[in-house]
């Protein structure tokens, strides 16, 4: 089986290093590049065509949600998993409506990131455990575009995109 090619986008180099360390023993995952802002994320996606993108929301130059929208317009193939420090359900829902397959909180990455990657690679949706309260009948990992995917994708949240 071919390895999944991953692009990591976060403006904090120490955080990118922590994620790489967390994933280093996963032989079926290949980190192909890192980026530190939303504009670079779009450029690297176009250039490298990764299978999966780990994307922060609070990025300089172009926030992660807008970067995800632009990425989907130029490269519909990559799966997007948001890895963010933002714990607002409206921001999470907007991130998912921007064509992301998952949302993991940075504070929960130690136990949620690997299951999230497995789910997203398998074509399932993953929402971190702290957002399970959004719909009591909704599983954390969901095959469908269920309740957490509903909403107007053009709706803009009034919350700032800062972690």
Protein backbone atom coordinates (compact mmCIF):
# COMPACT_ATOMS: atom_id res chain seq x y z
CA UNK A 1 0.00 0.00 0.00
CA UNK A 2 1.32 3.45 -0.91
CA UNK A 3 1.97 5.91 1.88
CA UNK A 4 -0.27 8.93 2.40
CA UNK A 5 1.55 12.13 1.45
CA UNK A 6 0.93 14.86 4.05
CA UNK A 7 1.40 18.63 3.98
CA UNK A 8 1.52 20.30 7.42
CA UNK A 9 0.49 23.95 7.66
CA UNK A 10 0.93 25.85 10.92
CA UNK A 11 2.60 29.16 11.69
CA UNK A 12 4.30 27.75 14.80
CA UNK A 13 7.45 25.82 13.91
CA UNK A 14 7.56 24.15 17.35
CA UNK A 15 4.02 22.84 16.81
CA UNK A 16 4.91 21.49 13.35
CA UNK A 17 7.89 19.68 14.94
CA UNK A 18 5.61 18.20 17.62
CA UNK A 19 3.19 16.90 14.97
CA UNK A 20 6.04 15.42 12.95
CA UNK A 21 7.37 13.69 16.07
CA UNK A 22 3.91 12.30 16.80
CA UNK A 23 3.66 10.89 13.26
CA UNK A 24 7.26 9.74 12.78
CA UNK A 25 6.58 6.08 13.64
CA UNK A 26 3.67 5.78 11.21
CA UNK A 27 5.28 4.10 8.23
CA UNK A 28 2.23 4.63 6.01
CA UNK A 29 2.41 8.43 6.43
CA UNK A 30 4.94 10.60 4.60
CA UNK A 31 5.41 14.27 5.52
CA UNK A 32 6.25 15.86 2.17
CA UNK A 33 6.39 19.52 3.13
CA UNK A 34 5.59 22.17 5.72
CA UNK A 35 4.15 25.64 5.30
CA UNK A 36 3.68 28.49 7.75
CA UNK A 37 0.88 30.61 6.24
CA UNK A 38 -2.29 30.26 4.22
CA UNK A 39 -0.89 31.63 0.95
CA UNK A 40 2.02 29.20 1.10
CA UNK A 41 -0.44 26.38 1.87
CA UNK A 42 -2.30 27.05 -1.38
CA UNK A 43 0.95 27.30 -3.37
CA UNK A 44 2.45 24.10 -1.90
CA UNK A 45 -0.79 22.21 -2.47
CA UNK A 46 -0.86 23.22 -6.12
CA UNK A 47 2.82 22.34 -6.55
CA UNK A 48 3.00 19.07 -4.57
CA UNK A 49 -0.55 17.65 -4.77
CA UNK A 50 -0.56 16.05 -1.27
CA UNK A 51 -3.06 13.35 -0.32
CA UNK A 52 -3.87 14.99 3.00
CA UNK A 53 -3.39 18.44 4.50
CA UNK A 54 -3.11 19.13 8.23
CA UNK A 55 -4.25 22.74 8.41
CA UNK A 56 -4.36 25.28 11.22
CA UNK A 57 -7.01 28.01 11.19
CA UNK A 58 -5.18 30.97 12.72
CA UNK A 59 -2.64 31.49 9.96
CA UNK A 60 -0.99 34.71 8.76
CA UNK A 61 -1.68 36.15 5.28
CA UNK A 62 -4.73 33.89 4.69
CA UNK A 63 -6.62 32.07 7.45
CA UNK A 64 -6.95 28.30 7.24
CA UNK A 65 -10.64 28.25 6.33
CA UNK A 66 -10.10 30.58 3.37
CA UNK A 67 -6.99 28.61 2.40
CA UNK A 68 -9.10 25.41 2.44
CA UNK A 69 -11.65 27.01 0.12
CA UNK A 70 -8.92 28.07 -2.30
CA UNK A 71 -7.25 24.66 -2.11
CA UNK A 72 -10.52 22.92 -2.99
CA UNK A 73 -10.92 25.22 -6.00
CA UNK A 74 -7.49 24.37 -7.42
CA UNK A 75 -6.96 20.81 -6.19
CA UNK A 76 -10.11 18.89 -5.25
CA UNK A 77 -8.15 15.72 -4.47
CA UNK A 78 -6.50 16.38 -1.08
CA UNK A 79 -8.34 15.60 2.13
CA UNK A 80 -8.21 18.35 4.73
CA UNK A 81 -7.98 17.81 8.48
CA UNK A 82 -8.05 20.96 10.59
CA UNK A 83 -5.73 20.89 13.59
CA UNK A 84 -6.62 23.98 15.58
CA UNK A 85 -6.68 25.51 19.03
CA UNK A 86 -10.10 27.09 18.45
CA UNK A 87 -12.84 25.54 20.61
CA UNK A 88 -15.89 27.32 19.15
CA UNK A 89 -18.45 25.04 17.51
CA UNK A 90 -19.40 27.68 14.91
CA UNK A 91 -15.78 27.92 13.77
CA UNK A 92 -15.54 24.11 13.65
CA UNK A 93 -18.74 23.92 11.59
CA UNK A 94 -17.49 26.59 9.20
CA UNK A 95 -14.20 24.70 8.85
CA UNK A 96 -16.08 21.53 7.96
CA UNK A 97 -18.29 23.40 5.51
CA UNK A 98 -15.09 24.54 3.75
CA UNK A 99 -14.75 20.93 2.51
CA UNK A 100 -12.65 19.62 5.40
CA UNK A 101 -13.07 16.02 6.46
CA UNK A 102 -12.12 16.54 10.08
CA UNK A 103 -11.40 18.82 13.00
CA UNK A 104 -9.04 18.09 15.89
CA UNK A 105 -8.16 20.40 18.74
CA UNK A 106 -4.45 20.92 19.29
CA UNK A 107 -4.93 20.25 22.99
CA UNK A 108 -6.35 16.81 22.13
CA UNK A 109 -3.90 15.93 19.36
CA UNK A 110 -1.97 13.41 21.48
CA UNK A 111 -4.99 11.09 21.55
CA UNK A 112 -7.19 12.30 18.66
CA UNK A 113 -4.76 12.98 15.79
CA UNK A 114 -3.94 9.39 14.80
CA UNK A 115 -7.59 8.19 14.92
CA UNK A 116 -8.57 11.32 12.97
CA UNK A 117 -5.95 10.62 10.30
CA UNK A 118 -7.11 7.00 10.01
CA UNK A 119 -10.75 8.08 9.65
CA UNK A 120 -10.06 10.83 7.11
CA UNK A 121 -7.76 8.60 5.04
CA UNK A 122 -10.56 5.98 5.03
CA UNK A 123 -12.97 8.60 3.66
CA UNK A 124 -14.81 9.22 6.92
CA UNK A 125 -15.44 12.44 8.76
CA UNK A 126 -13.82 12.96 12.16
CA UNK A 127 -14.69 15.52 14.80
CA UNK A 128 -12.71 15.64 18.04
CA UNK A 129 -14.24 14.32 21.22
CA UNK A 130 -14.90 17.75 22.73
CA UNK A 131 -17.39 18.52 19.96
CA UNK A 132 -19.34 15.28 20.42
CA UNK A 133 -21.94 17.32 22.35
CA UNK A 134 -23.01 19.09 19.13
CA UNK A 135 -25.36 16.23 18.27
CA UNK A 136 -25.84 13.40 20.79
CA UNK A 137 -26.84 10.98 18.01
CA UNK A 138 -23.81 11.76 15.88
CA UNK A 139 -20.74 9.52 16.15
CA UNK A 140 -17.34 11.19 16.35
CA UNK A 141 -16.31 9.54 13.13
CA UNK A 142 -19.05 9.60 10.54
CA UNK A 143 -19.28 8.21 6.99
CA UNK A 144 -21.91 10.70 5.91
CA UNK A 145 -21.96 14.45 5.71
CA UNK A 146 -24.09 14.33 8.83
CA UNK A 147 -25.28 16.95 11.27
CA UNK A 148 -21.92 18.63 11.72
CA UNK A 149 -21.67 19.27 7.97
CA UNK A 150 -24.99 21.13 7.72
CA UNK A 151 -25.19 24.85 7.28
CA UNK A 152 -24.57 27.45 4.69
CA UNK A 153 -20.98 27.10 3.45
CA UNK A 154 -20.97 30.79 2.54
CA UNK A 155 -21.87 31.79 6.11
CA UNK A 156 -19.10 33.68 7.83
CA UNK A 157 -18.59 33.38 11.54
CA UNK A 158 -18.04 36.53 13.50
CA UNK A 159 -15.39 34.86 15.65
CA UNK A 160 -11.77 35.73 14.98
CA UNK A 161 -9.59 32.95 13.58
CA UNK A 162 -6.84 33.03 16.16
CA UNK A 163 -5.52 30.09 18.19
